Amino acid sequence: MPELPEVEVCAQYISKQLLDASLFKVTTSQLSLRKPIPKTREFYPLYHQTLKTVSRHGKYLLLNFSSKTIIIHLGMSGTVRIEFKVNKKNHDHCIFSFTKAQNLLHLIYNDPRRFGMISLEGSDALPSLSKLGPDLFNQTQCHPRYLFSKAQKTSVAIKTFLLDQTIVAGVGNIYACEALFTSNIHPATSAQNLSLVQLQTLTKALTTIMKRAIRKGGSSIRTFTNPEGTLGYFSFSHQVYDRAAQPCTMCHTAIEVFTQASRSTYYCPHCQPMLM
């Protein structure tokens, strides 16, 4: 958390507010995130450059300038917000100040647990993304046959398979649980035991659920808020995630939870039977 929908919500809002704005100043704290934040002076070459595009790959947010790209990963507890005047808060680690139409706008990165990342990389070579699989929304690269070919090479559980960012970028715990429920697939089923038809169903479920989540502003679990500071409301639409012991929305069987690869997995034992 945050996952693909939450990062996409951030990307869309930042693009709306800051596209074609000029980077004026960058202020960084002395604390490290997953790795050290670039020093303020490292951003100097971007000063007065225009923000060309805002994009996303998996759970990574990309601020694209003509010469370099700022890459942001929100980790477990990271958020970004935009303010006209900086209202400094605890755990604000980096402030990107922009000018646009004579206005000063500040993009602020906040991360209490500091598992996120801020990186400054060449506009063409992006080492932070080099080991990632195709983005889930890239239908040219991430299609059912691609996932089927990858699944045939591993015996790991399908939920663990989906969370492997080197296979497909963007899927996290929440949406894996939700899509597997919609597809009537038990989370512990071996990936290589799934047919192409089942993976077609699962791929469609993932993209459909995530697009629905984006429209609702993502899922606000624990700390996530969008750049406007408001909550995402897709969490109210969860059918299994974080609903242990509550009745299934389809069959009224109690939702169960177990630990899988150090993460909580939610499922319906009736709608998602374990295939032997």
C-alpha atoms as a PDB file:
ATOM      1  CA  MET A   1       0.000   0.000   0.000  1.00  0.00           C
ATOM      2  CA  PRO A   2      -0.271   2.333  -1.931  1.00  0.00           C
ATOM      3  CA  GLU A   3      -0.784   0.202  -5.047  1.00  0.00           C
ATOM      4  CA  LEU A   4      -1.304   0.952  -8.744  1.00  0.00           C
ATOM      5  CA  PRO A   5      -4.696   2.738  -8.394  1.00  0.00           C
ATOM      6  CA  GLU A   6      -3.485   5.013  -5.607  1.00  0.00           C
ATOM      7  CA  VAL A   7      -0.340   5.945  -7.536  1.00  0.00           C
ATOM      8  CA  GLU A   8      -2.394   6.548 -10.688  1.00  0.00           C
ATOM      9  CA  VAL A   9      -4.689   8.888  -8.718  1.00  0.00           C
ATOM     10  CA  CYS A  10      -1.580  10.793  -7.608  1.00  0.00           C
ATOM     11  CA  ALA A  11      -0.190  10.920 -11.148  1.00  0.00           C
ATOM     12  CA  GLN A  12      -3.434  12.258 -12.606  1.00  0.00           C
ATOM     13  CA  TYR A  13      -3.781  14.976  -9.979  1.00  0.00           C
ATOM     14  CA  ILE A  14      -0.141  16.089 -10.195  1.00  0.00           C
ATOM     15  CA  SER A  15      -0.419  16.223 -13.981  1.00  0.00           C
ATOM     16  CA  LYS A  16      -3.560  18.358 -13.730  1.00  0.00           C
ATOM     17  CA  GLN A  17      -1.942  20.814 -11.313  1.00  0.00           C
ATOM     18  CA  LEU A  18       1.721  20.918 -12.348  1.00  0.00           C
ATOM     19  CA  LEU A  19       2.021  19.992 -16.027  1.00  0.00           C
ATOM     20  CA  ASP A  20       4.118  22.650 -17.811  1.00  0.00           C
ATOM     21  CA  ALA A  21       5.111  24.176 -14.464  1.00  0.00           C
ATOM     22  CA  SER A  22       8.748  25.145 -13.972  1.00  0.00           C
ATOM     23  CA  LEU A  23      10.765  23.601 -11.156  1.00  0.00           C
ATOM     24  CA  PHE A  24      11.916  26.443  -8.931  1.00  0.00           C
ATOM     25  CA  LYS A  25      13.530  24.801  -5.914  1.00  0.00           C
ATOM     26  CA  VAL A  26      13.908  21.450  -4.135  1.00  0.00           C
ATOM     27  CA  THR A  27      14.235  21.150  -0.364  1.00  0.00           C
ATOM     28  CA  THR A  28      15.194  17.821   1.185  1.00  0.00           C
ATOM     29  CA  SER A  29      15.514  16.551   4.737  1.00  0.00           C
ATOM     30  CA  GLN A  30      18.630  14.871   6.064  1.00  0.00           C
ATOM     31  CA  LEU A  31      16.862  11.563   6.685  1.00  0.00           C
ATOM     32  CA  SER A  32      17.155   8.594   4.345  1.00  0.00           C
ATOM     33  CA  LEU A  33      14.196   6.735   2.915  1.00  0.00           C
ATOM     34  CA  ARG A  34      14.702   3.255   1.469  1.00  0.00           C
ATOM     35  CA  LYS A  35      17.921   4.790   0.183  1.00  0.00           C
ATOM     36  CA  PRO A  36      19.354   8.306   0.648  1.00  0.00           C
ATOM     37  CA  ILE A  37      17.359  11.136  -0.897  1.00  0.00           C
ATOM     38  CA  PRO A  38      19.416  12.965  -3.543  1.00  0.00           C
ATOM     39  CA  LYS A  39      21.119  16.063  -2.185  1.00  0.00           C
ATOM     40  CA  THR A  40      19.481  19.377  -2.977  1.00  0.00           C
ATOM     41  CA  ARG A  41      22.381  20.334  -5.259  1.00  0.00           C
ATOM     42  CA  GLU A  42      21.747  17.233  -7.404  1.00  0.00           C
ATOM     43  CA  PHE A  43      18.451  18.776  -8.488  1.00  0.00           C
ATOM     44  CA  TYR A  44      20.091  22.042  -9.604  1.00  0.00           C
ATOM     45  CA  PRO A  45      20.257  21.008 -13.304  1.00  0.00           C
ATOM     46  CA  LEU A  46      16.440  20.721 -13.283  1.00  0.00           C
ATOM     47  CA  TYR A  47      15.865  24.231 -11.944  1.00  0.00           C
ATOM     48  CA  HIS A  48      13.800  26.288 -14.401  1.00  0.00           C
ATOM     49  CA  GLN A  49      13.049  23.200 -16.486  1.00  0.00           C
ATOM     50  CA  THR A  50       9.432  22.459 -17.375  1.00  0.00           C
ATOM     51  CA  LEU A  51       7.600  19.398 -16.134  1.00  0.00           C
ATOM     52  CA  LYS A  52       6.862  17.731 -19.483  1.00  0.00           C
ATOM     53  CA  THR A  53       4.760  14.741 -18.422  1.00  0.00           C
ATOM     54  CA  VAL A  54       3.689  12.855 -15.318  1.00  0.00           C
ATOM     55  CA  SER A  55       3.519   9.096 -15.761  1.00  0.00           C
ATOM     56  CA  ARG A  56       3.481   5.857 -13.803  1.00  0.00           C
ATOM     57  CA  HIS A  57       5.001   2.390 -14.083  1.00  0.00           C
ATOM     58  CA  GLY A  58       3.570  -0.091 -11.617  1.00  0.00           C
ATOM     59  CA  LYS A  59       3.728   1.594  -8.217  1.00  0.00           C
ATOM     60  CA  TYR A  60       6.341   4.154  -9.327  1.00  0.00           C
ATOM     61  CA  LEU A  61       5.484   7.775 -10.043  1.00  0.00           C
ATOM     62  CA  LEU A  62       7.546   9.522 -12.740  1.00  0.00           C
ATOM     63  CA  LEU A  63       7.984  13.287 -13.070  1.00  0.00           C
ATOM     64  CA  ASN A  64       9.513  13.692 -16.517  1.00  0.00           C
ATOM     65  CA  PHE A  65      11.678  16.683 -17.471  1.00  0.00           C
ATOM     66  CA  SER A  66      13.617  17.101 -20.691  1.00  0.00           C
ATOM     67  CA  SER A  67      16.952  16.000 -19.217  1.00  0.00           C
ATOM     68  CA  LYS A  68      16.074  13.849 -16.211  1.00  0.00           C
ATOM     69  CA  THR A  69      13.225  12.049 -14.449  1.00  0.00           C
ATOM     70  CA  ILE A  70      12.309  12.242 -10.776  1.00  0.00           C
ATOM     71  CA  ILE A  71      11.059   8.831  -9.644  1.00  0.00           C
ATOM     72  CA  ILE A  72       8.951   8.510  -6.508  1.00  0.00           C
ATOM     73  CA  HIS A  73       7.861   5.316  -4.765  1.00  0.00           C
ATOM     74  CA  LEU A  74       5.424   5.771  -1.886  1.00  0.00           C
ATOM     75  CA  GLY A  75       6.492   2.632  -0.029  1.00  0.00           C
ATOM     76  CA  MET A  76       4.150   1.585   2.784  1.00  0.00           C
ATOM     77  CA  SER A  77       3.100   4.953   4.167  1.00  0.00           C
ATOM     78  CA  GLY A  78       4.127   7.626   1.668  1.00  0.00           C
ATOM     79  CA  THR A  79       1.816  10.357   0.414  1.00  0.00           C
ATOM     80  CA  VAL A  80       2.209  13.421  -1.772  1.00  0.00           C
ATOM     81  CA  ARG A  81       0.241  16.636  -1.507  1.00  0.00           C
ATOM     82  CA  ILE A  82       0.180  19.974  -3.311  1.00  0.00           C
ATOM     83  CA  GLU A  83      -0.016  23.257  -1.405  1.00  0.00           C
ATOM     84  CA  PHE A  84       0.168  26.914  -2.381  1.00  0.00           C
ATOM     85  CA  LYS A  85       1.898  27.655   0.917  1.00  0.00           C
ATOM     86  CA  VAL A  86       3.925  25.005   2.711  1.00  0.00           C
ATOM     87  CA  ASN A  87       2.198  23.846   5.868  1.00  0.00           C
ATOM     88  CA  LYS A  88       5.120  21.871   7.277  1.00  0.00           C
ATOM     89  CA  LYS A  89       4.181  18.554   8.856  1.00  0.00           C
ATOM     90  CA  ASN A  90       6.097  15.839  10.640  1.00  0.00           C
ATOM     91  CA  HIS A  91       7.723  13.402   8.202  1.00  0.00           C
ATOM     92  CA  ASP A  92       7.815  15.823   5.254  1.00  0.00           C
ATOM     93  CA  HIS A  93      11.018  14.646   3.585  1.00  0.00           C
ATOM     94  CA  CYS A  94      11.111  16.463   0.258  1.00  0.00           C
ATOM     95  CA  ILE A  95       9.467  19.599  -1.149  1.00  0.00           C
ATOM     96  CA  PHE A  96       9.443  20.289  -4.886  1.00  0.00           C
ATOM     97  CA  SER A  97       8.544  23.936  -5.492  1.00  0.00           C
ATOM     98  CA  PHE A  98       7.167  24.916  -8.902  1.00  0.00           C
ATOM     99  CA  THR A  99       6.132  28.146 -10.574  1.00  0.00           C
ATOM    100  CA  LYS A 100       3.123  28.172 -12.867  1.00  0.00           C
ATOM    101  CA  ALA A 101       1.277  31.206 -14.192  1.00  0.00           C
ATOM    102  CA  GLN A 102       3.005  33.361 -11.571  1.00  0.00           C
ATOM    103  CA  ASN A 103       1.834  31.032  -8.801  1.00  0.00           C
ATOM    104  CA  LEU A 104       4.102  29.083  -6.484  1.00  0.00           C
ATOM    105  CA  LEU A 105       3.029  25.466  -5.959  1.00  0.00           C
ATOM    106  CA  HIS A 106       4.697  22.924  -3.679  1.00  0.00           C
ATOM    107  CA  LEU A 107       4.641  19.156  -4.197  1.00  0.00           C
ATOM    108  CA  ILE A 108       5.425  17.652  -0.783  1.00  0.00           C
ATOM    109  CA  TYR A 109       6.488  14.069  -0.097  1.00  0.00           C
ATOM    110  CA  ASN A 110       5.587  12.747   3.375  1.00  0.00           C
ATOM    111  CA  ASP A 111       6.511   9.285   4.646  1.00  0.00           C
ATOM    112  CA  PRO A 112       6.326   8.364   8.366  1.00  0.00           C
ATOM    113  CA  ARG A 113       7.802   4.855   7.953  1.00  0.00           C
ATOM    114  CA  ARG A 114      10.381   5.931   5.342  1.00  0.00           C
ATOM    115  CA  PHE A 115      10.046   2.807   3.169  1.00  0.00           C
ATOM    116  CA  GLY A 116       9.536   4.915   0.054  1.00  0.00           C
ATOM    117  CA  MET A 117      12.072   6.238  -2.424  1.00  0.00           C
ATOM    118  CA  ILE A 118      12.992   9.382  -4.331  1.00  0.00           C
ATOM    119  CA  SER A 119      15.472   8.998  -7.175  1.00  0.00           C
ATOM    120  CA  LEU A 120      16.849  11.296  -9.866  1.00  0.00           C
ATOM    121  CA  GLU A 121      17.682   9.431 -13.061  1.00  0.00           C
ATOM    122  CA  GLY A 122      18.391  10.004 -16.733  1.00  0.00           C
ATOM    123  CA  SER A 123      15.315  10.543 -18.873  1.00  0.00           C
ATOM    124  CA  ASP A 124      16.113   7.450 -20.978  1.00  0.00           C
ATOM    125  CA  ALA A 125      17.926   5.097 -18.587  1.00  0.00           C
ATOM    126  CA  LEU A 126      15.836   4.433 -15.474  1.00  0.00           C
ATOM    127  CA  PRO A 127      17.712   1.929 -13.269  1.00  0.00           C
ATOM    128  CA  SER A 128      14.941   1.899 -10.649  1.00  0.00           C
ATOM    129  CA  LEU A 129      12.556   0.389 -13.203  1.00  0.00           C
ATOM    130  CA  SER A 130      14.988  -1.944 -14.980  1.00  0.00           C
ATOM    131  CA  LYS A 131      13.991  -5.090 -13.087  1.00  0.00           C
ATOM    132  CA  LEU A 132      10.244  -4.487 -13.171  1.00  0.00           C
ATOM    133  CA  GLY A 133       7.886  -6.461 -15.341  1.00  0.00           C
ATOM    134  CA  PRO A 134       5.414  -4.760 -17.693  1.00  0.00           C
ATOM    135  CA  ASP A 135       2.818  -2.470 -16.175  1.00  0.00           C
ATOM    136  CA  LEU A 136      -0.526  -4.183 -15.623  1.00  0.00           C
ATOM    137  CA  PHE A 137      -2.282  -1.620 -17.841  1.00  0.00           C
ATOM    138  CA  ASN A 138       0.125  -2.181 -20.744  1.00  0.00           C
ATOM    139  CA  GLN A 139      -2.065  -4.521 -22.774  1.00  0.00           C
ATOM    140  CA  THR A 140       0.598  -4.936 -25.459  1.00  0.00           C
ATOM    141  CA  GLN A 141       3.077  -6.475 -23.016  1.00  0.00           C
ATOM    142  CA  CYS A 142       0.980  -7.630 -20.056  1.00  0.00           C
ATOM    143  CA  HIS A 143      -1.626  -9.915 -21.583  1.00  0.00           C
ATOM    144  CA  PRO A 144      -2.982 -13.330 -20.487  1.00  0.00           C
ATOM    145  CA  ARG A 145      -0.640 -15.324 -22.711  1.00  0.00           C
ATOM    146  CA  TYR A 146       2.354 -13.490 -21.236  1.00  0.00           C
ATOM    147  CA  LEU A 147       1.171 -14.288 -17.702  1.00  0.00           C
ATOM    148  CA  PHE A 148       0.409 -17.881 -18.698  1.00  0.00           C
ATOM    149  CA  SER A 149       3.939 -18.347 -20.053  1.00  0.00           C
ATOM    150  CA  LYS A 150       5.396 -16.983 -16.809  1.00  0.00           C
ATOM    151  CA  ALA A 151       3.054 -19.059 -14.640  1.00  0.00           C
ATOM    152  CA  GLN A 152       4.080 -22.278 -16.359  1.00  0.00           C
ATOM    153  CA  LYS A 153       7.627 -21.791 -15.093  1.00  0.00           C
ATOM    154  CA  THR A 154       6.831 -21.566 -11.380  1.00  0.00           C
ATOM    155  CA  SER A 155       5.009 -23.524  -8.690  1.00  0.00           C
ATOM    156  CA  VAL A 156       4.451 -20.564  -6.350  1.00  0.00           C
ATOM    157  CA  ALA A 157       0.924 -19.689  -5.242  1.00  0.00           C
ATOM    158  CA  ILE A 158      -0.969 -17.467  -7.643  1.00  0.00           C
ATOM    159  CA  LYS A 159      -1.242 -14.616  -5.143  1.00  0.00           C
ATOM    160  CA  THR A 160       2.517 -14.669  -4.550  1.00  0.00           C
ATOM    161  CA  PHE A 161       2.964 -14.776  -8.342  1.00  0.00           C
ATOM    162  CA  LEU A 162       0.829 -11.650  -8.780  1.00  0.00           C
ATOM    163  CA  LEU A 163       2.770  -9.734  -6.140  1.00  0.00           C
ATOM    164  CA  ASP A 164       6.097 -10.397  -7.878  1.00  0.00           C
ATOM    165  CA  GLN A 165       6.854  -7.007  -9.448  1.00  0.00           C
ATOM    166  CA  THR A 166       9.401  -8.567 -11.822  1.00  0.00           C
ATOM    167  CA  ILE A 167       6.506 -10.420 -13.471  1.00  0.00           C
ATOM    168  CA  VAL A 168       3.852  -7.727 -13.514  1.00  0.00           C
ATOM    169  CA  ALA A 169       4.242  -4.245 -12.048  1.00  0.00           C
ATOM    170  CA  GLY A 170       1.525  -2.638  -9.988  1.00  0.00           C
ATOM    171  CA  VAL A 171      -0.405  -5.445  -8.311  1.00  0.00           C
ATOM    172  CA  GLY A 172      -0.378  -5.377  -4.515  1.00  0.00           C
ATOM    173  CA  ASN A 173      -2.044  -7.237  -1.679  1.00  0.00           C
ATOM    174  CA  ILE A 174      -5.416  -5.485  -1.734  1.00  0.00           C
ATOM    175  CA  TYR A 175      -6.189  -5.845  -5.428  1.00  0.00           C
ATOM    176  CA  ALA A 176      -4.721  -9.341  -5.695  1.00  0.00           C
ATOM    177  CA  CYS A 177      -7.164 -10.510  -3.008  1.00  0.00           C
ATOM    178  CA  GLU A 178     -10.079  -8.733  -4.685  1.00  0.00           C
ATOM    179  CA  ALA A 179      -9.316 -10.005  -8.199  1.00  0.00           C
ATOM    180  CA  LEU A 180      -8.793 -13.609  -7.069  1.00  0.00           C
ATOM    181  CA  PHE A 181     -12.171 -13.484  -5.332  1.00  0.00           C
ATOM    182  CA  THR A 182     -13.870 -12.126  -8.453  1.00  0.00           C
ATOM    183  CA  SER A 183     -12.194 -14.880 -10.501  1.00  0.00           C
ATOM    184  CA  ASN A 184     -13.187 -17.654  -8.032  1.00  0.00           C
ATOM    185  CA  ILE A 185      -9.536 -18.660  -7.628  1.00  0.00           C
ATOM    186  CA  HIS A 186      -8.123 -19.751  -4.271  1.00  0.00           C
ATOM    187  CA  PRO A 187      -5.064 -17.597  -3.412  1.00  0.00           C
ATOM    188  CA  ALA A 188      -2.944 -20.668  -2.598  1.00  0.00           C
ATOM    189  CA  THR A 189      -3.508 -22.341  -5.972  1.00  0.00           C
ATOM    190  CA  SER A 190      -0.234 -23.021  -7.766  1.00  0.00           C
ATOM    191  CA  ALA A 191       0.212 -20.534 -10.604  1.00  0.00           C
ATOM    192  CA  GLN A 192       1.231 -23.295 -13.016  1.00  0.00           C
ATOM    193  CA  ASN A 193      -2.055 -25.135 -12.391  1.00  0.00           C
ATOM    194  CA  LEU A 194      -4.129 -22.311 -13.827  1.00  0.00           C
ATOM    195  CA  SER A 195      -5.366 -22.515 -17.394  1.00  0.00           C
ATOM    196  CA  LEU A 196      -5.073 -19.771 -19.968  1.00  0.00           C
ATOM    197  CA  VAL A 197      -8.820 -19.172 -19.650  1.00  0.00           C
ATOM    198  CA  GLN A 198      -8.496 -18.705 -15.885  1.00  0.00           C
ATOM    199  CA  LEU A 199      -5.656 -16.239 -16.366  1.00  0.00           C
ATOM    200  CA  GLN A 200      -7.724 -14.364 -18.944  1.00  0.00           C
ATOM    201  CA  THR A 201     -10.489 -14.062 -16.357  1.00  0.00           C
ATOM    202  CA  LEU A 202      -8.011 -12.993 -13.681  1.00  0.00           C
ATOM    203  CA  THR A 203      -6.315 -10.392 -15.901  1.00  0.00           C
ATOM    204  CA  LYS A 204      -9.687  -8.875 -16.779  1.00  0.00           C
ATOM    205  CA  ALA A 205     -10.699  -8.841 -13.102  1.00  0.00           C
ATOM    206  CA  LEU A 206      -7.477  -7.073 -12.092  1.00  0.00           C
ATOM    207  CA  THR A 207      -7.777  -4.322 -14.701  1.00  0.00           C
ATOM    208  CA  THR A 208     -11.522  -3.843 -14.142  1.00  0.00           C
ATOM    209  CA  ILE A 209     -11.207  -3.615 -10.354  1.00  0.00           C
ATOM    210  CA  MET A 210      -8.230  -1.264 -10.519  1.00  0.00           C
ATOM    211  CA  LYS A 211      -9.942   1.067 -12.995  1.00  0.00           C
ATOM    212  CA  ARG A 212     -12.979   1.140 -10.711  1.00  0.00           C
ATOM    213  CA  ALA A 213     -10.688   1.927  -7.777  1.00  0.00           C
ATOM    214  CA  ILE A 214      -9.064   4.800  -9.690  1.00  0.00           C
ATOM    215  CA  ARG A 215     -12.497   6.322 -10.352  1.00  0.00           C
ATOM    216  CA  LYS A 216     -13.192   6.183  -6.602  1.00  0.00           C
ATOM    217  CA  GLY A 217      -9.866   7.724  -5.647  1.00  0.00           C
ATOM    218  CA  GLY A 218      -8.162   4.491  -4.602  1.00  0.00           C
ATOM    219  CA  SER A 219      -8.385   2.668  -1.277  1.00  0.00           C
ATOM    220  CA  SER A 220      -7.614   4.588   1.890  1.00  0.00           C
ATOM    221  CA  ILE A 221      -6.067   1.982   4.159  1.00  0.00           C
ATOM    222  CA  ARG A 222      -4.175   3.295   7.182  1.00  0.00           C
ATOM    223  CA  THR A 223      -2.411   6.430   5.914  1.00  0.00           C
ATOM    224  CA  PHE A 224      -3.217   6.905   2.215  1.00  0.00           C
ATOM    225  CA  THR A 225      -4.762  10.165   1.072  1.00  0.00           C
ATOM    226  CA  ASN A 226      -4.667  11.632  -2.410  1.00  0.00           C
ATOM    227  CA  PRO A 227      -2.701  14.833  -3.202  1.00  0.00           C
ATOM    228  CA  GLU A 228      -5.755  16.939  -2.278  1.00  0.00           C
ATOM    229  CA  GLY A 229      -5.631  15.422   1.203  1.00  0.00           C
ATOM    230  CA  THR A 230      -8.914  13.543   0.799  1.00  0.00           C
ATOM    231  CA  LEU A 231      -9.642   9.838   1.190  1.00  0.00           C
ATOM    232  CA  GLY A 232     -10.109   7.236  -1.519  1.00  0.00           C
ATOM    233  CA  TYR A 233     -13.459   5.490  -1.260  1.00  0.00           C
ATOM    234  CA  PHE A 234     -12.845   2.162  -2.982  1.00  0.00           C
ATOM    235  CA  SER A 235     -12.161   0.594   0.433  1.00  0.00           C
ATOM    236  CA  PHE A 236     -15.936   0.670   0.955  1.00  0.00           C
ATOM    237  CA  SER A 237     -16.261  -1.589  -2.095  1.00  0.00           C
ATOM    238  CA  HIS A 238     -13.844  -4.292  -0.925  1.00  0.00           C
ATOM    239  CA  GLN A 239     -15.458  -7.704  -1.108  1.00  0.00           C
ATOM    240  CA  VAL A 240     -12.862  -9.692   0.833  1.00  0.00           C
ATOM    241  CA  TYR A 241      -9.873  -7.542   1.794  1.00  0.00           C
ATOM    242  CA  ASP A 242      -9.862  -6.614   5.491  1.00  0.00           C
ATOM    243  CA  ARG A 243     -13.257  -8.316   5.949  1.00  0.00           C
ATOM    244  CA  ALA A 244     -12.256 -11.379   8.020  1.00  0.00           C
ATOM    245  CA  ALA A 245     -15.264 -13.067   9.691  1.00  0.00           C
ATOM    246  CA  GLN A 246     -17.715 -10.847   7.802  1.00  0.00           C
ATOM    247  CA  PRO A 247     -20.222 -12.499   5.416  1.00  0.00           C
ATOM    248  CA  CYS A 248     -19.254 -12.950   1.773  1.00  0.00           C
ATOM    249  CA  THR A 249     -21.103 -10.509  -0.463  1.00  0.00           C
ATOM    250  CA  MET A 250     -22.015 -13.385  -2.795  1.00  0.00           C
ATOM    251  CA  CYS A 251     -22.755 -16.434  -0.626  1.00  0.00           C
ATOM    252  CA  HIS A 252     -22.729 -15.107   2.979  1.00  0.00           C
ATOM    253  CA  THR A 253     -20.005 -17.547   4.052  1.00  0.00           C
ATOM    254  CA  ALA A 254     -17.631 -15.949   6.560  1.00  0.00           C
ATOM    255  CA  ILE A 255     -14.533 -14.452   4.925  1.00  0.00           C
ATOM    256  CA  GLU A 256     -11.342 -16.120   6.140  1.00  0.00           C
ATOM    257  CA  VAL A 257      -7.780 -14.835   6.420  1.00  0.00           C
ATOM    258  CA  PHE A 258      -4.398 -16.532   6.514  1.00  0.00           C
ATOM    259  CA  THR A 259      -0.775 -15.424   6.255  1.00  0.00           C
ATOM    260  CA  GLN A 260       0.849 -15.885   2.877  1.00  0.00           C
ATOM    261  CA  ALA A 261       4.375 -14.683   2.137  1.00  0.00           C
ATOM    262  CA  SER A 262       4.215 -12.540   5.303  1.00  0.00           C
ATOM    263  CA  ARG A 263       1.001 -10.842   4.154  1.00  0.00           C
ATOM    264  CA  SER A 264      -2.624 -11.270   5.148  1.00  0.00           C
ATOM    265  CA  THR A 265      -4.655 -13.043   2.480  1.00  0.00           C
ATOM    266  CA  TYR A 266      -8.446 -12.709   2.538  1.00  0.00           C
ATOM    267  CA  TYR A 267     -10.739 -15.083   0.652  1.00  0.00           C
ATOM    268  CA  CYS A 268     -14.111 -16.818   0.678  1.00  0.00           C
ATOM    269  CA  PRO A 269     -13.746 -20.593   1.243  1.00  0.00           C
ATOM    270  CA  HIS A 270     -16.992 -21.253  -0.619  1.00  0.00           C
ATOM    271  CA  CYS A 271     -16.509 -19.023  -3.661  1.00  0.00           C
ATOM    272  CA  GLN A 272     -12.790 -19.797  -3.899  1.00  0.00           C
ATOM    273  CA  PRO A 273     -12.426 -23.529  -3.249  1.00  0.00           C
ATOM    274  CA  MET A 274      -8.941 -24.980  -3.132  1.00  0.00           C
ATOM    275  CA  LEU A 275      -8.456 -27.183  -6.171  1.00  0.00           C
ATOM    276  CA  MET A 276      -6.551 -30.407  -5.516  1.00  0.00           C
END
